[in-house]
């Protein structure tokens, strides 16, 4: 609409300008659609590959798998940073201050814990139920923001969280593949993502210390690797030998692991680019739709049993998330 209004203000004697604006607008829309498609593909791809490796393929080492993800994020984000820093137009990057480093370390530990818990949950739960529980992130974000920062929302915003939780309760009752430990891990992963969001807003909110999401990942990923390597050695001492045995028996395992780890980085990169080229509201709508697409694709691929009650519960949760977003927008 904004582009149409601007175009209407141009002199009518310069059709070349108007004609030139159309391809530019079309190219921008095409680029945004491509980024959204890439975001969907990488997000759903890493989710399904995680489920395949941890549950179907038999590689039952979620901490080791998370360490591979974070190693790829650390390596690829450093390479991208070096490539962009070499451009003449790129502004010089300042090193982290001591305060920033401490904050990033805290965020890295929380991020690491949430990813590990999410991968553990995929060993026991179908992707469809995992996504239903993950959709309750706004509920945990509101609770944690109130508990840590005393940040209160409007009454309508809290009311919208009721169907978010009610939907998961309904989905839990109708989930034929319910597993208590997997459910606890999934809830922990969801709460961890919410905690990271709140802490990131608090710890890196000043203009002097603000970092964009990709720079934050570049600093957090090595912290996660430092934590995950000893955790793997203690909790999963057979992981490396099991990976080597699988690689000898089936060379495609190495390629699956490399693809899975690379996708873990590309999820963050495409999310950053989609955020940059769309509005927060559009991103929220796209995120809700992405969860629904992931559920459908996972059911088609893994053919896990679903019930009408389970799908109803997931639908109620998504409705609550949409209402929550609308209430947040109106309260501003």
Protein backbone atom coordinates (compact mmCIF):
# COMPACT_ATOMS: atom_id res chain seq x y z
CA UNK A 1 0.00 0.00 0.00
CA UNK A 2 2.82 2.37 0.88
CA UNK A 3 4.49 1.79 -2.47
CA UNK A 4 1.23 2.42 -4.32
CA UNK A 5 0.71 5.72 -2.49
CA UNK A 6 4.27 6.84 -3.23
CA UNK A 7 3.85 5.93 -6.86
CA UNK A 8 0.64 7.94 -7.08
CA UNK A 9 2.57 11.06 -6.04
CA UNK A 10 5.01 10.75 -8.94
CA UNK A 11 4.54 13.03 -11.97
CA UNK A 12 2.39 11.44 -14.64
CA UNK A 13 4.91 12.47 -17.31
CA UNK A 14 7.51 9.93 -16.14
CA UNK A 15 6.11 6.49 -16.91
CA UNK A 16 9.61 5.05 -16.96
CA UNK A 17 9.87 5.66 -13.22
CA UNK A 18 6.60 3.92 -12.55
CA UNK A 19 7.52 1.04 -14.82
CA UNK A 20 10.88 0.77 -13.13
CA UNK A 21 9.31 0.56 -9.68
CA UNK A 22 7.16 -2.45 -10.53
CA UNK A 23 9.99 -4.91 -11.21
CA UNK A 24 11.75 -3.70 -8.06
CA UNK A 25 8.62 -4.31 -5.99
CA UNK A 26 8.10 -7.72 -7.61
CA UNK A 27 11.71 -8.65 -6.98
CA UNK A 28 11.39 -7.65 -3.31
CA UNK A 29 8.26 -9.77 -2.89
CA UNK A 30 9.93 -12.70 -4.64
CA UNK A 31 12.99 -12.38 -2.42
CA UNK A 32 10.86 -12.31 0.73
CA UNK A 33 8.86 -15.35 -0.43
CA UNK A 34 12.11 -17.18 -1.11
CA UNK A 35 13.45 -16.35 2.35
CA UNK A 36 10.23 -17.53 3.99
CA UNK A 37 10.36 -20.77 1.98
CA UNK A 38 14.00 -21.28 3.01
CA UNK A 39 13.11 -20.60 6.66
CA UNK A 40 10.30 -23.15 6.52
CA UNK A 41 12.46 -25.74 4.73
CA UNK A 42 15.44 -25.45 7.08
CA UNK A 43 13.33 -25.34 10.26
CA UNK A 44 11.17 -28.31 9.31
CA UNK A 45 14.17 -30.11 7.82
CA UNK A 46 16.28 -29.97 10.97
CA UNK A 47 13.28 -30.97 13.09
CA UNK A 48 12.52 -34.03 10.94
CA UNK A 49 16.19 -35.02 10.67
CA UNK A 50 16.55 -34.77 14.45
CA UNK A 51 13.55 -37.04 14.87
CA UNK A 52 14.85 -39.47 12.25
CA UNK A 53 18.35 -39.72 13.74
CA UNK A 54 17.27 -39.88 17.39
CA UNK A 55 14.22 -42.10 17.06
CA UNK A 56 14.05 -43.95 13.74
CA UNK A 57 17.73 -44.35 12.79
CA UNK A 58 18.69 -45.39 16.30
CA UNK A 59 21.36 -42.78 17.08
CA UNK A 60 20.17 -42.08 20.63
CA UNK A 61 22.66 -39.39 21.67
CA UNK A 62 20.86 -36.01 21.82
CA UNK A 63 23.62 -34.20 23.73
CA UNK A 64 26.22 -35.22 21.15
CA UNK A 65 23.85 -34.22 18.35
CA UNK A 66 23.36 -30.81 19.95
CA UNK A 67 27.15 -30.44 20.25
CA UNK A 68 27.40 -31.06 16.49
CA UNK A 69 24.72 -28.40 15.88
CA UNK A 70 26.49 -25.82 18.02
CA UNK A 71 29.89 -26.62 16.48
CA UNK A 72 28.45 -25.99 13.02
CA UNK A 73 26.85 -22.74 14.24
CA UNK A 74 30.16 -21.58 15.72
CA UNK A 75 32.14 -22.45 12.57
CA UNK A 76 29.69 -21.17 9.94
CA UNK A 77 28.84 -17.96 11.80
CA UNK A 78 32.56 -17.18 12.17
CA UNK A 79 33.11 -17.81 8.46
CA UNK A 80 30.18 -15.57 7.52
CA UNK A 81 31.40 -12.87 9.87
CA UNK A 82 34.91 -12.99 8.36
CA UNK A 83 33.47 -12.85 4.84
CA UNK A 84 31.27 -9.83 5.55
CA UNK A 85 33.97 -8.04 7.56
CA UNK A 86 36.28 -8.13 4.53
CA UNK A 87 33.86 -5.98 2.53
CA UNK A 88 34.88 -2.29 2.33
CA UNK A 89 31.32 -1.16 3.13
CA UNK A 90 31.16 -3.25 6.30
CA UNK A 91 31.40 -1.19 9.52
CA UNK A 92 34.19 -2.17 11.94
CA UNK A 93 33.12 -4.62 14.65
CA UNK A 94 33.84 -3.79 18.27
CA UNK A 95 35.02 -6.59 20.56
CA UNK A 96 32.70 -7.66 23.35
CA UNK A 97 33.01 -5.77 26.60
CA UNK A 98 33.48 -7.73 29.82
CA UNK A 99 29.85 -7.14 30.74
CA UNK A 100 28.65 -8.29 27.33
CA UNK A 101 30.80 -11.43 27.54
CA UNK A 102 29.26 -12.37 30.89
CA UNK A 103 25.75 -11.79 29.55
CA UNK A 104 26.43 -13.80 26.41
CA UNK A 105 27.79 -16.67 28.55
CA UNK A 106 24.53 -16.76 30.55
CA UNK A 107 22.45 -16.70 27.38
CA UNK A 108 24.64 -19.40 25.83
CA UNK A 109 24.10 -21.71 28.80
CA UNK A 110 20.32 -21.21 28.70
CA UNK A 111 20.25 -21.64 24.92
CA UNK A 112 22.32 -24.80 25.19
CA UNK A 113 20.02 -26.30 27.83
CA UNK A 114 16.87 -25.57 25.83
CA UNK A 115 18.25 -27.14 22.64
CA UNK A 116 19.43 -30.27 24.48
CA UNK A 117 16.04 -30.67 26.18
CA UNK A 118 14.27 -30.23 22.84
CA UNK A 119 16.41 -32.89 21.18
CA UNK A 120 15.91 -35.28 24.11
CA UNK A 121 12.14 -34.85 23.83
CA UNK A 122 12.24 -35.88 20.16
CA UNK A 123 13.50 -39.30 21.22
CA UNK A 124 10.19 -39.98 22.95
CA UNK A 125 7.54 -37.75 21.38
CA UNK A 126 6.22 -37.42 17.83
CA UNK A 127 7.01 -34.15 16.06
CA UNK A 128 3.31 -33.20 15.98
CA UNK A 129 2.97 -33.30 19.77
CA UNK A 130 6.37 -31.65 20.20
CA UNK A 131 5.17 -28.72 18.11
CA UNK A 132 1.92 -28.48 20.07
CA UNK A 133 3.83 -28.11 23.34
CA UNK A 134 6.32 -25.72 21.71
CA UNK A 135 3.47 -23.42 20.70
CA UNK A 136 3.00 -22.54 24.40
CA UNK A 137 6.17 -20.40 24.34
CA UNK A 138 4.15 -17.15 24.79
CA UNK A 139 2.67 -18.55 28.01
CA UNK A 140 6.10 -19.21 29.52
CA UNK A 141 7.44 -15.91 28.20
CA UNK A 142 4.68 -13.98 29.97
CA UNK A 143 5.20 -15.88 33.24
CA UNK A 144 8.98 -15.53 33.22
CA UNK A 145 8.85 -11.84 32.24
CA UNK A 146 6.55 -11.20 35.19
CA UNK A 147 8.67 -13.25 37.61
CA UNK A 148 12.06 -11.83 36.58
CA UNK A 149 11.34 -8.32 35.32
CA UNK A 150 7.92 -7.67 36.94
CA UNK A 151 6.64 -6.97 33.45
CA UNK A 152 2.86 -7.01 33.44
CA UNK A 153 0.61 -7.45 30.46
CA UNK A 154 -2.94 -6.26 29.89
CA UNK A 155 -5.78 -8.44 31.16
CA UNK A 156 -6.80 -9.39 27.63
CA UNK A 157 -3.27 -10.61 26.94
CA UNK A 158 -3.32 -12.94 29.94
CA UNK A 159 -6.83 -14.10 29.03
CA UNK A 160 -5.56 -15.11 25.57
CA UNK A 161 -3.08 -17.47 27.25
CA UNK A 162 -5.93 -19.62 28.61
CA UNK A 163 -6.62 -21.37 25.28
CA UNK A 164 -2.86 -21.70 24.72
CA UNK A 165 -2.58 -23.90 27.81
CA UNK A 166 -6.01 -25.51 27.43
CA UNK A 167 -5.11 -26.67 23.92
CA UNK A 168 -2.01 -28.50 25.18
CA UNK A 169 -4.05 -30.13 27.96
CA UNK A 170 -6.54 -31.36 25.35
CA UNK A 171 -3.75 -32.51 23.02
CA UNK A 172 -2.02 -34.34 25.89
CA UNK A 173 -5.19 -36.23 26.71
CA UNK A 174 -5.60 -37.26 23.09
CA UNK A 175 -1.95 -38.12 22.34
CA UNK A 176 -1.60 -41.89 21.78
CA UNK A 177 2.24 -41.69 21.88
CA UNK A 178 2.44 -39.69 25.13
CA UNK A 179 5.64 -40.21 27.13
CA UNK A 180 5.99 -38.49 30.50
CA UNK A 181 9.77 -37.94 30.43
CA UNK A 182 9.64 -36.72 26.84
CA UNK A 183 6.81 -34.36 27.76
CA UNK A 184 8.78 -32.96 30.71
CA UNK A 185 11.81 -32.40 28.47
CA UNK A 186 9.65 -30.71 25.84
CA UNK A 187 8.11 -28.38 28.42
CA UNK A 188 11.62 -27.66 29.74
CA UNK A 189 12.83 -26.82 26.23
CA UNK A 190 9.88 -24.49 25.68
CA UNK A 191 10.45 -22.76 29.02
CA UNK A 192 14.16 -22.48 28.20
CA UNK A 193 13.44 -20.73 24.90
CA UNK A 194 11.13 -18.32 26.72
CA UNK A 195 13.77 -17.66 29.40
CA UNK A 196 16.38 -16.95 26.71
CA UNK A 197 14.01 -14.46 25.06
CA UNK A 198 13.37 -12.63 28.33
CA UNK A 199 17.04 -12.62 29.39
CA UNK A 200 18.10 -11.42 25.96
CA UNK A 201 15.68 -8.52 26.24
CA UNK A 202 16.98 -7.62 29.70
CA UNK A 203 20.70 -8.27 29.36
CA UNK A 204 21.28 -6.88 25.89
CA UNK A 205 18.70 -4.11 25.75
CA UNK A 206 20.93 -1.02 25.99
CA UNK A 207 21.83 0.71 22.74
CA UNK A 208 25.54 0.49 23.56
CA UNK A 209 25.48 -3.29 24.08
CA UNK A 210 22.75 -4.35 21.65
CA UNK A 211 23.67 -7.21 19.31
CA UNK A 212 21.73 -8.55 16.35
CA UNK A 213 20.67 -12.18 16.46
CA UNK A 214 23.44 -13.47 14.17
CA UNK A 215 26.22 -11.75 16.11
CA UNK A 216 24.67 -13.09 19.31
CA UNK A 217 24.68 -16.62 17.85
CA UNK A 218 28.33 -16.20 16.82
CA UNK A 219 29.25 -15.47 20.43
CA UNK A 220 26.85 -17.93 22.08
CA UNK A 221 27.65 -21.00 19.96
CA UNK A 222 31.27 -21.41 21.22
CA UNK A 223 29.99 -21.10 24.80
CA UNK A 224 27.51 -23.88 24.09
CA UNK A 225 30.26 -26.07 22.57
CA UNK A 226 32.46 -25.60 25.65
CA UNK A 227 29.55 -26.75 27.82
CA UNK A 228 28.37 -29.57 25.56
CA UNK A 229 31.68 -31.35 24.96
CA UNK A 230 32.26 -32.30 28.62
CA UNK A 231 28.53 -32.96 29.03
CA UNK A 232 28.70 -35.44 26.15
CA UNK A 233 31.76 -37.16 27.63
CA UNK A 234 30.02 -37.53 31.00
CA UNK A 235 26.43 -38.25 29.96
CA UNK A 236 27.03 -40.05 26.65
CA UNK A 237 30.53 -41.60 26.79
CA UNK A 238 29.72 -44.04 23.97
CA UNK A 239 28.43 -41.39 21.56
CA UNK A 240 31.64 -40.89 19.57
CA UNK A 241 32.33 -44.61 19.17
CA UNK A 242 28.68 -45.21 18.19
CA UNK A 243 28.91 -42.44 15.59
CA UNK A 244 32.13 -43.91 14.20
CA UNK A 245 30.58 -47.40 14.02
CA UNK A 246 27.51 -46.06 12.21
CA UNK A 247 29.71 -44.12 9.80
CA UNK A 248 31.67 -47.28 8.93
CA UNK A 249 28.50 -49.33 8.50
CA UNK A 250 26.62 -46.63 6.59
CA UNK A 251 28.65 -43.75 5.08
CA UNK A 252 25.44 -41.80 4.47
CA UNK A 253 25.22 -41.29 8.25
CA UNK A 254 28.11 -38.80 8.04
CA UNK A 255 26.31 -36.82 5.35
CA UNK A 256 23.07 -36.85 7.35
CA UNK A 257 24.93 -35.57 10.39
CA UNK A 258 26.66 -32.82 8.39
CA UNK A 259 23.39 -31.81 6.72
CA UNK A 260 21.57 -31.80 10.04
CA UNK A 261 24.25 -29.65 11.68
CA UNK A 262 24.36 -27.21 8.75
CA UNK A 263 20.57 -26.88 8.79
CA UNK A 264 20.76 -25.97 12.49
CA UNK A 265 22.79 -22.92 11.51
CA UNK A 266 20.68 -22.09 8.47
CA UNK A 267 17.55 -22.04 10.66
CA UNK A 268 19.06 -19.12 12.59
CA UNK A 269 20.33 -17.38 9.45
CA UNK A 270 17.01 -17.58 7.58
CA UNK A 271 15.09 -16.54 10.69
CA UNK A 272 17.30 -13.45 10.94
CA UNK A 273 16.78 -12.62 7.25
CA UNK A 274 13.00 -13.12 7.40
CA UNK A 275 12.85 -10.91 10.50
CA UNK A 276 14.85 -8.26 8.64
CA UNK A 277 12.55 -8.26 5.60
CA UNK A 278 9.15 -8.58 7.30
CA UNK A 279 7.30 -7.04 10.24
CA UNK A 280 7.12 -8.64 13.71
CA UNK A 281 3.41 -9.36 13.21
CA UNK A 282 4.07 -11.05 9.86
CA UNK A 283 6.82 -13.10 11.47
CA UNK A 284 4.45 -14.27 14.21
CA UNK A 285 1.80 -15.31 11.68
CA UNK A 286 4.41 -17.11 9.59
CA UNK A 287 5.73 -18.85 12.69
CA UNK A 288 2.27 -20.16 13.60
CA UNK A 289 1.76 -21.42 10.06
CA UNK A 290 5.22 -23.02 10.10
CA UNK A 291 4.30 -25.06 13.15
CA UNK A 292 1.15 -26.32 11.43
CA UNK A 293 3.10 -27.22 8.28
CA UNK A 294 5.68 -29.09 10.40
CA UNK A 295 2.90 -31.11 12.04
CA UNK A 296 1.35 -32.12 8.71
CA UNK A 297 4.70 -33.00 7.11
CA UNK A 298 5.83 -35.05 10.12
CA UNK A 299 2.58 -37.03 10.17
CA UNK A 300 2.89 -37.75 6.44
CA UNK A 301 6.53 -38.87 6.78
CA UNK A 302 6.58 -40.74 10.10
CA UNK A 303 2.91 -41.74 10.03
CA UNK A 304 2.61 -41.41 13.79
CA UNK A 305 -0.94 -41.99 15.02
CA UNK A 306 -3.00 -38.86 15.71
CA UNK A 307 -6.46 -38.44 17.17
CA UNK A 308 -9.19 -35.92 16.59
CA UNK A 309 -8.76 -34.74 20.19
CA UNK A 310 -5.02 -34.23 19.66
CA UNK A 311 -5.51 -32.16 16.51
CA UNK A 312 -8.30 -30.21 18.22
CA UNK A 313 -5.99 -29.41 21.10
CA UNK A 314 -3.26 -28.21 18.75
CA UNK A 315 -5.79 -26.04 16.92
CA UNK A 316 -6.98 -24.48 20.18
CA UNK A 317 -3.37 -23.71 21.15
CA UNK A 318 -2.66 -22.02 17.80
CA UNK A 319 -5.87 -20.01 18.17
CA UNK A 320 -4.70 -18.88 21.59
CA UNK A 321 -1.31 -17.85 20.20
CA UNK A 322 -3.04 -15.78 17.50
CA UNK A 323 -5.30 -14.12 20.08
CA UNK A 324 -2.26 -13.46 22.28
CA UNK A 325 -0.49 -11.70 19.40
CA UNK A 326 -3.55 -9.56 18.69
CA UNK A 327 -3.93 -8.65 22.36
CA UNK A 328 -0.24 -7.70 22.59
CA UNK A 329 -0.56 -5.53 19.49
CA UNK A 330 -3.61 -3.69 20.83
CA UNK A 331 -2.07 -3.16 24.27
CA UNK A 332 0.78 -1.23 22.61
